[in-house]
Each structure stands twice: as C-alpha cells, then as structure tokens.
Amino acid sequence: IEFLAAQDEARPHMEEKVSVPNQSYLSFVNNIKLLSPAEKTVFDLYVEGYRAKEIAAILCLSINTIKKHNRRIYRKLNVSSRNELMVYVNMMKENQL
C-alpha cells in the first residue's frame, strides 16, 4: 500500500499535458465500454481523483483487488501505467466526456 501511495506522490508532474495521438485517445474513450461494472467503478473513482489506497477503502476491497482491477483496466484501455491513464482522463475532462 505504501508503495502505491509513494508511486502516486512521486510523479504528479507526469499527469500534466502530454501530446497524445488523436487515434489513441479515441480508442481509449471507445474502450471504456469494455470495462466490467467493477472495473468501471474503480475507473470512475480514478476520474474523480482518488488514489488506489483510497479506492480500496471506499469500496471495502483489498489493495490486491484494486491492483487486479488496475491490470485489467490498463489492458482493456491499452495503457501501461496510472500516469498514462491519468493523461487520457485529463484529456477527457478537457473535452468534457
């Protein structure tokens, strides 16, 4: 848990604006519908700005369950990290999707 919290805090600058190819962004948005209800709940909490540890507490799940959801979310949305996920999330917020 401490590792995830430290990782979240160590790289806040990576969530800043980054140029992403338009097709990648459109694919990301389109693939959100592939998330299971549980994955979508976790994803929505990331969109709201919560961290993994907070999501685990809110949903009364273990951090390992959140990690498993994260891996599935990343695979389905074709991202490799929370930072990359947040770049797309920030783009969605800018476009109000």
PDB file of N, CA and C in Angstrom:
ATOM      1  N   ILE A   1       0.839  -1.181   0.000  1.00  0.00           N
ATOM      2  CA  ILE A   1       0.000   0.000   0.000  1.00  0.00           C
ATOM      3  C   ILE A   1       0.883   1.243   0.000  1.00  0.00           C
ATOM      4  N   GLU A   2       1.919   1.232   0.842  1.00  0.00           N
ATOM      5  CA  GLU A   2       2.803   2.385   0.892  1.00  0.00           C
ATOM      6  C   GLU A   2       3.482   2.602  -0.458  1.00  0.00           C
ATOM      7  N   PHE A   3       3.807   1.482  -1.136  1.00  0.00           N
ATOM      8  CA  PHE A   3       4.450   1.592  -2.441  1.00  0.00           C
ATOM      9  C   PHE A   3       3.560   2.337  -3.422  1.00  0.00           C
ATOM     10  N   LEU A   4       2.271   1.981  -3.467  1.00  0.00           N
ATOM     11  CA  LEU A   4       1.349   2.649  -4.382  1.00  0.00           C
ATOM     12  C   LEU A   4       1.192   4.118  -4.033  1.00  0.00           C
ATOM     13  N   ALA A   5       1.093   4.415  -2.752  1.00  0.00           N
ATOM     14  CA  ALA A   5       0.961   5.804  -2.324  1.00  0.00           C
ATOM     15  C   ALA A   5       2.209   6.600  -2.710  1.00  0.00           C
ATOM     16  N   ALA A   6       3.378   6.012  -2.489  1.00  0.00           N
ATOM     17  CA  ALA A   6       4.629   6.684  -2.836  1.00  0.00           C
ATOM     18  C   ALA A   6       4.738   6.885  -4.339  1.00  0.00           C
ATOM     19  N   GLN A   7       4.308   5.897  -5.097  1.00  0.00           N
ATOM     20  CA  GLN A   7       4.355   5.995  -6.551  1.00  0.00           C
ATOM     21  C   GLN A   7       3.440   7.112  -7.035  1.00  0.00           C
ATOM     22  N   ASP A   8       2.245   7.207  -6.453  1.00  0.00           N
ATOM     23  CA  ASP A   8       1.305   8.259  -6.825  1.00  0.00           C
ATOM     24  C   ASP A   8       1.880   9.638  -6.533  1.00  0.00           C
ATOM     25  N   GLU A   9       2.553   9.780  -5.400  1.00  0.00           N
ATOM     26  CA  GLU A   9       3.078  11.073  -4.984  1.00  0.00           C
ATOM     27  C   GLU A   9       4.374  11.426  -5.704  1.00  0.00           C
ATOM     28  N   ALA A  10       5.110  10.431  -6.152  1.00  0.00           N
ATOM     29  CA  ALA A  10       6.427  10.666  -6.737  1.00  0.00           C
ATOM     30  C   ALA A  10       6.365  11.285  -8.123  1.00  0.00           C
ATOM     31  N   ARG A  11       5.261  11.082  -8.836  1.00  0.00           N
ATOM     32  CA  ARG A  11       5.216  11.540 -10.221  1.00  0.00           C
ATOM     33  C   ARG A  11       3.986  12.381 -10.552  1.00  0.00           C
ATOM     34  N   PRO A  12       3.623  13.349  -9.753  1.00  0.00           N
ATOM     35  CA  PRO A  12       2.438  14.134 -10.089  1.00  0.00           C
ATOM     36  C   PRO A  12       2.629  14.958 -11.357  1.00  0.00           C
ATOM     37  N   HIS A  13       3.880  15.303 -11.675  1.00  0.00           N
ATOM     38  CA  HIS A  13       4.158  16.112 -12.853  1.00  0.00           C
ATOM     39  C   HIS A  13       3.851  15.381 -14.154  1.00  0.00           C
ATOM     40  N   MET A  14       3.810  14.070 -14.132  1.00  0.00           N
ATOM     41  CA  MET A  14       3.574  13.304 -15.352  1.00  0.00           C
ATOM     42  C   MET A  14       2.120  13.361 -15.794  1.00  0.00           C
ATOM     43  N   GLU A  15       1.240  13.873 -14.936  1.00  0.00           N
ATOM     44  CA  GLU A  15      -0.159  13.993 -15.294  1.00  0.00           C
ATOM     45  C   GLU A  15      -0.435  15.291 -16.050  1.00  0.00           C
ATOM     46  N   GLU A  16       0.594  16.097 -16.246  1.00  0.00           N
ATOM     47  CA  GLU A  16       0.428  17.339 -16.963  1.00  0.00           C
ATOM     48  C   GLU A  16       0.159  17.034 -18.431  1.00  0.00           C
ATOM     49  N   LYS A  17      -0.147  18.074 -19.182  1.00  0.00           N
ATOM     50  CA  LYS A  17      -0.483  17.894 -20.591  1.00  0.00           C
ATOM     51  C   LYS A  17       0.643  17.200 -21.344  1.00  0.00           C
ATOM     52  N   VAL A  18       0.262  16.201 -22.100  1.00  0.00           N
ATOM     53  CA  VAL A  18       1.191  15.455 -22.932  1.00  0.00           C
ATOM     54  C   VAL A  18       0.504  15.273 -24.273  1.00  0.00           C
ATOM     55  N   SER A  19       1.258  15.395 -25.342  1.00  0.00           N
ATOM     56  CA  SER A  19       0.683  15.210 -26.663  1.00  0.00           C
ATOM     57  C   SER A  19       0.421  13.727 -26.909  1.00  0.00           C
ATOM     58  N   VAL A  20      -0.830  13.404 -27.219  1.00  0.00           N
ATOM     59  CA  VAL A  20      -1.227  12.024 -27.471  1.00  0.00           C
ATOM     60  C   VAL A  20      -1.869  11.978 -28.852  1.00  0.00           C
ATOM     61  N   PRO A  21      -1.508  10.998 -29.665  1.00  0.00           N
ATOM     62  CA  PRO A  21      -2.139  10.888 -30.976  1.00  0.00           C
ATOM     63  C   PRO A  21      -3.658  10.776 -30.842  1.00  0.00           C
ATOM     64  N   ASN A  22      -4.374  11.480 -31.706  1.00  0.00           N
ATOM     65  CA  ASN A  22      -5.832  11.523 -31.654  1.00  0.00           C
ATOM     66  C   ASN A  22      -6.448  10.129 -31.707  1.00  0.00           C
ATOM     67  N   GLN A  23      -5.929   9.247 -32.534  1.00  0.00           N
ATOM     68  CA  GLN A  23      -6.483   7.900 -32.663  1.00  0.00           C
ATOM     69  C   GLN A  23      -6.355   7.126 -31.359  1.00  0.00           C
ATOM     70  N   SER A  24      -5.248   7.284 -30.663  1.00  0.00           N
ATOM     71  CA  SER A  24      -5.065   6.610 -29.375  1.00  0.00           C
ATOM     72  C   SER A  24      -6.098   7.082 -28.368  1.00  0.00           C
ATOM     73  N   TYR A  25      -6.350   8.376 -28.351  1.00  0.00           N
ATOM     74  CA  TYR A  25      -7.342   8.939 -27.432  1.00  0.00           C
ATOM     75  C   TYR A  25      -8.738   8.422 -27.763  1.00  0.00           C
ATOM     76  N   LEU A  26      -9.097   8.422 -29.031  1.00  0.00           N
ATOM     77  CA  LEU A  26     -10.420   7.935 -29.440  1.00  0.00           C
ATOM     78  C   LEU A  26     -10.588   6.460 -29.104  1.00  0.00           C
ATOM     79  N   SER A  27      -9.540   5.685 -29.281  1.00  0.00           N
ATOM     80  CA  SER A  27      -9.574   4.270 -28.927  1.00  0.00           C
ATOM     81  C   SER A  27      -9.768   4.104 -27.423  1.00  0.00           C
ATOM     82  N   PHE A  28      -9.063   4.909 -26.634  1.00  0.00           N
ATOM     83  CA  PHE A  28      -9.194   4.873 -25.174  1.00  0.00           C
ATOM     84  C   PHE A  28     -10.645   5.130 -24.774  1.00  0.00           C
ATOM     85  N   VAL A  29     -11.224   6.206 -25.281  1.00  0.00           N
ATOM     86  CA  VAL A  29     -12.602   6.572 -24.929  1.00  0.00           C
ATOM     87  C   VAL A  29     -13.568   5.476 -25.359  1.00  0.00           C
ATOM     88  N   ASN A  30     -13.385   4.941 -26.548  1.00  0.00           N
ATOM     89  CA  ASN A  30     -14.262   3.892 -27.058  1.00  0.00           C
ATOM     90  C   ASN A  30     -14.165   2.620 -26.220  1.00  0.00           C
ATOM     91  N   ASN A  31     -12.972   2.298 -25.737  1.00  0.00           N
ATOM     92  CA  ASN A  31     -12.762   1.060 -24.981  1.00  0.00           C
ATOM     93  C   ASN A  31     -13.280   1.114 -23.550  1.00  0.00           C
ATOM     94  N   ILE A  32     -13.655   2.275 -23.068  1.00  0.00           N
ATOM     95  CA  ILE A  32     -14.204   2.373 -21.712  1.00  0.00           C
ATOM     96  C   ILE A  32     -15.429   1.478 -21.574  1.00  0.00           C
ATOM     97  N   LYS A  33     -16.184   1.333 -22.651  1.00  0.00           N
ATOM     98  CA  LYS A  33     -17.394   0.499 -22.591  1.00  0.00           C
ATOM     99  C   LYS A  33     -17.065  -0.986 -22.409  1.00  0.00           C
ATOM    100  N   LEU A  34     -15.804  -1.372 -22.587  1.00  0.00           N
ATOM    101  CA  LEU A  34     -15.392  -2.764 -22.399  1.00  0.00           C
ATOM    102  C   LEU A  34     -15.158  -3.120 -20.933  1.00  0.00           C
ATOM    103  N   LEU A  35     -15.103  -2.109 -20.074  1.00  0.00           N
ATOM    104  CA  LEU A  35     -14.839  -2.366 -18.658  1.00  0.00           C
ATOM    105  C   LEU A  35     -16.027  -3.053 -18.001  1.00  0.00           C
ATOM    106  N   SER A  36     -15.725  -3.997 -17.115  1.00  0.00           N
ATOM    107  CA  SER A  36     -16.775  -4.646 -16.326  1.00  0.00           C
ATOM    108  C   SER A  36     -17.345  -3.609 -15.360  1.00  0.00           C
ATOM    109  N   PRO A  37     -18.507  -3.878 -14.764  1.00  0.00           N
ATOM    110  CA  PRO A  37     -19.055  -2.924 -13.786  1.00  0.00           C
ATOM    111  C   PRO A  37     -18.079  -2.610 -12.646  1.00  0.00           C
ATOM    112  N   ALA A  38     -17.386  -3.617 -12.140  1.00  0.00           N
ATOM    113  CA  ALA A  38     -16.428  -3.379 -11.052  1.00  0.00           C
ATOM    114  C   ALA A  38     -15.252  -2.530 -11.537  1.00  0.00           C
ATOM    115  N   GLU A  39     -14.738  -2.833 -12.719  1.00  0.00           N
ATOM    116  CA  GLU A  39     -13.633  -2.058 -13.284  1.00  0.00           C
ATOM    117  C   GLU A  39     -14.065  -0.620 -13.550  1.00  0.00           C
ATOM    118  N   LYS A  40     -15.284  -0.451 -14.037  1.00  0.00           N
ATOM    119  CA  LYS A  40     -15.810   0.895 -14.321  1.00  0.00           C
ATOM    120  C   LYS A  40     -15.928   1.705 -13.039  1.00  0.00           C
ATOM    121  N   THR A  41     -16.335   1.054 -11.952  1.00  0.00           N
ATOM    122  CA  THR A  41     -16.427   1.740 -10.665  1.00  0.00           C
ATOM    123  C   THR A  41     -15.053   2.239 -10.232  1.00  0.00           C
ATOM    124  N   VAL A  42     -14.044   1.387 -10.343  1.00  0.00           N
ATOM    125  CA  VAL A  42     -12.674   1.778  -9.986  1.00  0.00           C
ATOM    126  C   VAL A  42     -12.203   2.898 -10.915  1.00  0.00           C
ATOM    127  N   PHE A  43     -12.431   2.751 -12.199  1.00  0.00           N
ATOM    128  CA  PHE A  43     -12.047   3.774 -13.179  1.00  0.00           C
ATOM    129  C   PHE A  43     -12.692   5.116 -12.842  1.00  0.00           C
ATOM    130  N   ASP A  44     -13.990   5.097 -12.549  1.00  0.00           N
ATOM    131  CA  ASP A  44     -14.705   6.337 -12.223  1.00  0.00           C
ATOM    132  C   ASP A  44     -14.120   7.021 -10.993  1.00  0.00           C
ATOM    133  N   LEU A  45     -13.678   6.239 -10.027  1.00  0.00           N
ATOM    134  CA  LEU A  45     -13.061   6.824  -8.837  1.00  0.00           C
ATOM    135  C   LEU A  45     -11.698   7.441  -9.171  1.00  0.00           C
ATOM    136  N   TYR A  46     -10.955   6.839 -10.101  1.00  0.00           N
ATOM    137  CA  TYR A  46      -9.715   7.468 -10.567  1.00  0.00           C
ATOM    138  C   TYR A  46     -10.038   8.796 -11.250  1.00  0.00           C
ATOM    139  N   VAL A  47     -11.089   8.802 -12.060  1.00  0.00           N
ATOM    140  CA  VAL A  47     -11.504  10.028 -12.747  1.00  0.00           C
ATOM    141  C   VAL A  47     -11.819  11.123 -11.730  1.00  0.00           C
ATOM    142  N   GLU A  48     -12.422  10.739 -10.608  1.00  0.00           N
ATOM    143  CA  GLU A  48     -12.759  11.703  -9.558  1.00  0.00           C
ATOM    144  C   GLU A  48     -11.533  12.160  -8.769  1.00  0.00           C
ATOM    145  N   GLY A  49     -10.386  11.526  -9.003  1.00  0.00           N
ATOM    146  CA  GLY A  49      -9.150  11.963  -8.369  1.00  0.00           C
ATOM    147  C   GLY A  49      -8.673  11.128  -7.200  1.00  0.00           C
ATOM    148  N   TYR A  50      -9.335  10.020  -6.938  1.00  0.00           N
ATOM    149  CA  TYR A  50      -8.924   9.165  -5.826  1.00  0.00           C
ATOM    150  C   TYR A  50      -7.701   8.346  -6.196  1.00  0.00           C
ATOM    151  N   ARG A  51      -6.923   7.982  -5.194  1.00  0.00           N
ATOM    152  CA  ARG A  51      -5.751   7.120  -5.350  1.00  0.00           C
ATOM    153  C   ARG A  51      -6.147   5.681  -5.028  1.00  0.00           C
ATOM    154  N   ALA A  52      -5.289   4.736  -5.384  1.00  0.00           N
ATOM    155  CA  ALA A  52      -5.590   3.308  -5.204  1.00  0.00           C
ATOM    156  C   ALA A  52      -5.952   2.966  -3.763  1.00  0.00           C
ATOM    157  N   LYS A  53      -5.174   3.463  -2.828  1.00  0.00           N
ATOM    158  CA  LYS A  53      -5.426   3.169  -1.417  1.00  0.00           C
ATOM    159  C   LYS A  53      -6.799   3.702  -0.990  1.00  0.00           C
ATOM    160  N   GLU A  54      -7.147   4.884  -1.449  1.00  0.00           N
ATOM    161  CA  GLU A  54      -8.443   5.479  -1.120  1.00  0.00           C
ATOM    162  C   GLU A  54      -9.588   4.689  -1.750  1.00  0.00           C
ATOM    163  N   ILE A  55      -9.382   4.242  -2.979  1.00  0.00           N
ATOM    164  CA  ILE A  55     -10.404   3.457  -3.674  1.00  0.00           C
ATOM    165  C   ILE A  55     -10.653   2.153  -2.930  1.00  0.00           C
ATOM    166  N   ALA A  56      -9.585   1.513  -2.494  1.00  0.00           N
ATOM    167  CA  ALA A  56      -9.726   0.272  -1.726  1.00  0.00           C
ATOM    168  C   ALA A  56     -10.572   0.512  -0.481  1.00  0.00           C
ATOM    169  N   ALA A  57     -10.319   1.611   0.210  1.00  0.00           N
ATOM    170  CA  ALA A  57     -11.079   1.923   1.427  1.00  0.00           C
ATOM    171  C   ALA A  57     -12.538   2.243   1.105  1.00  0.00           C
ATOM    172  N   ILE A  58     -12.773   3.027   0.075  1.00  0.00           N
ATOM    173  CA  ILE A  58     -14.141   3.408  -0.300  1.00  0.00           C
ATOM    174  C   ILE A  58     -14.966   2.183  -0.662  1.00  0.00           C
ATOM    175  N   LEU A  59     -14.365   1.277  -1.428  1.00  0.00           N
ATOM    176  CA  LEU A  59     -15.093   0.099  -1.915  1.00  0.00           C
ATOM    177  C   LEU A  59     -15.006  -1.092  -0.965  1.00  0.00           C
ATOM    178  N   CYS A  60     -14.300  -0.912   0.146  1.00  0.00           N
ATOM    179  CA  CYS A  60     -14.106  -2.004   1.117  1.00  0.00           C
ATOM    180  C   CYS A  60     -13.498  -3.234   0.447  1.00  0.00           C
ATOM    181  N   LEU A  61     -12.471  -2.995  -0.358  1.00  0.00           N
ATOM    182  CA  LEU A  61     -11.754  -4.059  -1.053  1.00  0.00           C
ATOM    183  C   LEU A  61     -10.295  -4.019  -0.632  1.00  0.00           C
ATOM    184  N   SER A  62      -9.614  -5.128  -0.827  1.00  0.00           N
ATOM    185  CA  SER A  62      -8.183  -5.141  -0.526  1.00  0.00           C
ATOM    186  C   SER A  62      -7.434  -4.399  -1.627  1.00  0.00           C
ATOM    187  N   ILE A  63      -6.247  -3.934  -1.287  1.00  0.00           N
ATOM    188  CA  ILE A  63      -5.422  -3.256  -2.278  1.00  0.00           C
ATOM    189  C   ILE A  63      -5.056  -4.215  -3.406  1.00  0.00           C
ATOM    190  N   ASN A  64      -4.947  -5.516  -3.106  1.00  0.00           N
ATOM    191  CA  ASN A  64      -4.648  -6.501  -4.153  1.00  0.00           C
ATOM    192  C   ASN A  64      -5.786  -6.611  -5.154  1.00  0.00           C
ATOM    193  N   THR A  65      -7.014  -6.485  -4.695  1.00  0.00           N
ATOM    194  CA  THR A  65      -8.160  -6.499  -5.611  1.00  0.00           C
ATOM    195  C   THR A  65      -8.119  -5.268  -6.508  1.00  0.00           C
ATOM    196  N   ILE A  66      -7.779  -4.132  -5.944  1.00  0.00           N
ATOM    197  CA  ILE A  66      -7.666  -2.908  -6.743  1.00  0.00           C
ATOM    198  C   ILE A  66      -6.553  -3.064  -7.774  1.00  0.00           C
ATOM    199  N   LYS A  67      -5.431  -3.664  -7.385  1.00  0.00           N
ATOM    200  CA  LYS A  67      -4.334  -3.904  -8.329  1.00  0.00           C
ATOM    201  C   LYS A  67      -4.795  -4.786  -9.486  1.00  0.00           C
ATOM    202  N   LYS A  68      -5.586  -5.809  -9.163  1.00  0.00           N
ATOM    203  CA  LYS A  68      -6.094  -6.701 -10.205  1.00  0.00           C
ATOM    204  C   LYS A  68      -7.011  -5.932 -11.159  1.00  0.00           C
ATOM    205  N   HIS A  69      -7.899  -5.120 -10.600  1.00  0.00           N
ATOM    206  CA  HIS A  69      -8.763  -4.284 -11.442  1.00  0.00           C
ATOM    207  C   HIS A  69      -7.911  -3.346 -12.299  1.00  0.00           C
ATOM    208  N   ASN A  70      -6.868  -2.767 -11.705  1.00  0.00           N
ATOM    209  CA  ASN A  70      -5.988  -1.868 -12.454  1.00  0.00           C
ATOM    210  C   ASN A  70      -5.381  -2.569 -13.660  1.00  0.00           C
ATOM    211  N   ARG A  71      -4.854  -3.772 -13.450  1.00  0.00           N
ATOM    212  CA  ARG A  71      -4.242  -4.508 -14.569  1.00  0.00           C
ATOM    213  C   ARG A  71      -5.253  -4.727 -15.690  1.00  0.00           C
ATOM    214  N   ARG A  72      -6.465  -5.093 -15.319  1.00  0.00           N
ATOM    215  CA  ARG A  72      -7.495  -5.331 -16.336  1.00  0.00           C
ATOM    216  C   ARG A  72      -7.903  -4.031 -17.028  1.00  0.00           C
ATOM    217  N   ILE A  73      -8.028  -2.963 -16.257  1.00  0.00           N
ATOM    218  CA  ILE A  73      -8.361  -1.652 -16.833  1.00  0.00           C
ATOM    219  C   ILE A  73      -7.267  -1.231 -17.807  1.00  0.00           C
ATOM    220  N   TYR A  74      -6.015  -1.338 -17.387  1.00  0.00           N
ATOM    221  CA  TYR A  74      -4.899  -0.940 -18.244  1.00  0.00           C
ATOM    222  C   TYR A  74      -4.897  -1.739 -19.542  1.00  0.00           C
ATOM    223  N   ARG A  75      -5.111  -3.052 -19.421  1.00  0.00           N
ATOM    224  CA  ARG A  75      -5.111  -3.899 -20.612  1.00  0.00           C
ATOM    225  C   ARG A  75      -6.242  -3.498 -21.557  1.00  0.00           C
ATOM    226  N   LYS A  76      -7.445  -3.336 -21.029  1.00  0.00           N
ATOM    227  CA  LYS A  76      -8.600  -3.016 -21.871  1.00  0.00           C
ATOM    228  C   LYS A  76      -8.504  -1.622 -22.489  1.00  0.00           C
ATOM    229  N   LEU A  77      -7.889  -0.686 -21.771  1.00  0.00           N
ATOM    230  CA  LEU A  77      -7.780   0.683 -22.274  1.00  0.00           C
ATOM    231  C   LEU A  77      -6.447   0.941 -22.971  1.00  0.00           C
ATOM    232  N   ASN A  78      -5.619  -0.101 -23.051  1.00  0.00           N
ATOM    233  CA  ASN A  78      -4.335  -0.040 -23.747  1.00  0.00           C
ATOM    234  C   ASN A  78      -3.414   1.044 -23.177  1.00  0.00           C
ATOM    235  N   VAL A  79      -3.320   1.072 -21.847  1.00  0.00           N
ATOM    236  CA  VAL A  79      -2.367   1.953 -21.174  1.00  0.00           C
ATOM    237  C   VAL A  79      -1.445   1.087 -20.323  1.00  0.00           C
ATOM    238  N   SER A  80      -0.290   1.628 -19.975  1.00  0.00           N
ATOM    239  CA  SER A  80       0.677   0.815 -19.237  1.00  0.00           C
ATOM    240  C   SER A  80       0.932   1.294 -17.812  1.00  0.00           C
ATOM    241  N   SER A  81       0.326   2.412 -17.422  1.00  0.00           N
ATOM    242  CA  SER A  81       0.567   2.925 -16.071  1.00  0.00           C
ATOM    243  C   SER A  81      -0.574   3.833 -15.636  1.00  0.00           C
ATOM    244  N   ARG A  82      -0.608   4.107 -14.345  1.00  0.00           N
ATOM    245  CA  ARG A  82      -1.596   5.040 -13.818  1.00  0.00           C
ATOM    246  C   ARG A  82      -1.371   6.428 -14.415  1.00  0.00           C
ATOM    247  N   ASN A  83      -0.115   6.803 -14.591  1.00  0.00           N
ATOM    248  CA  ASN A  83       0.184   8.115 -15.164  1.00  0.00           C
ATOM    249  C   ASN A  83      -0.360   8.246 -16.581  1.00  0.00           C
ATOM    250  N   GLU A  84      -0.197   7.210 -17.390  1.00  0.00           N
ATOM    251  CA  GLU A  84      -0.736   7.240 -18.745  1.00  0.00           C
ATOM    252  C   GLU A  84      -2.261   7.283 -18.699  1.00  0.00           C
ATOM    253  N   LEU A  85      -2.848   6.505 -17.809  1.00  0.00           N
ATOM    254  CA  LEU A  85      -4.298   6.530 -17.626  1.00  0.00           C
ATOM    255  C   LEU A  85      -4.765   7.945 -17.311  1.00  0.00           C
ATOM    256  N   MET A  86      -4.056   8.621 -16.411  1.00  0.00           N
ATOM    257  CA  MET A  86      -4.461   9.959 -15.992  1.00  0.00           C
ATOM    258  C   MET A  86      -4.278  10.999 -17.095  1.00  0.00           C
ATOM    259  N   VAL A  87      -3.332  10.791 -17.999  1.00  0.00           N
ATOM    260  CA  VAL A  87      -3.195  11.689 -19.153  1.00  0.00           C
ATOM    261  C   VAL A  87      -4.476  11.645 -19.970  1.00  0.00           C
ATOM    262  N   TYR A  88      -4.963  10.437 -20.246  1.00  0.00           N
ATOM    263  CA  TYR A  88      -6.207  10.298 -21.005  1.00  0.00           C
ATOM    264  C   TYR A  88      -7.403  10.831 -20.216  1.00  0.00           C
ATOM    265  N   VAL A  89      -7.442  10.562 -18.924  1.00  0.00           N
ATOM    266  CA  VAL A  89      -8.535  11.061 -18.081  1.00  0.00           C
ATOM    267  C   VAL A  89      -8.565  12.586 -18.121  1.00  0.00           C
ATOM    268  N   ASN A  90      -7.397  13.212 -18.026  1.00  0.00           N
ATOM    269  CA  ASN A  90      -7.342  14.673 -18.089  1.00  0.00           C
ATOM    270  C   ASN A  90      -7.803  15.192 -19.443  1.00  0.00           C
ATOM    271  N   MET A  91      -7.475  14.465 -20.507  1.00  0.00           N
ATOM    272  CA  MET A  91      -7.964  14.848 -21.836  1.00  0.00           C
ATOM    273  C   MET A  91      -9.487  14.738 -21.892  1.00  0.00           C
ATOM    274  N   MET A  92     -10.034  13.691 -21.279  1.00  0.00           N
ATOM    275  CA  MET A  92     -11.490  13.535 -21.237  1.00  0.00           C
ATOM    276  C   MET A  92     -12.129  14.706 -20.499  1.00  0.00           C
ATOM    277  N   LYS A  93     -11.521  15.105 -19.394  1.00  0.00           N
ATOM    278  CA  LYS A  93     -12.057  16.226 -18.617  1.00  0.00           C
ATOM    279  C   LYS A  93     -12.028  17.512 -19.436  1.00  0.00           C
ATOM    280  N   GLU A  94     -10.942  17.725 -20.173  1.00  0.00           N
ATOM    281  CA  GLU A  94     -10.836  18.913 -21.023  1.00  0.00           C
ATOM    282  C   GLU A  94     -11.909  18.914 -22.105  1.00  0.00           C
ATOM    283  N   ASN A  95     -12.230  17.730 -22.613  1.00  0.00           N
ATOM    284  CA  ASN A  95     -13.254  17.597 -23.652  1.00  0.00           C
ATOM    285  C   ASN A  95     -14.641  17.363 -23.071  1.00  0.00           C
ATOM    286  N   GLN A  96     -14.727  17.321 -21.748  1.00  0.00           N
ATOM    287  CA  GLN A  96     -15.977  17.120 -21.007  1.00  0.00           C
ATOM    288  C   GLN A  96     -16.731  15.883 -21.469  1.00  0.00           C
ATOM    289  N   LEU A  97     -16.005  14.752 -21.532  1.00  0.00           N
ATOM    290  CA  LEU A  97     -16.631  13.471 -21.893  1.00  0.00           C
ATOM    291  C   LEU A  97     -16.949  12.685 -20.655  1.00  0.00           C
TER     292      LEU A  97
END
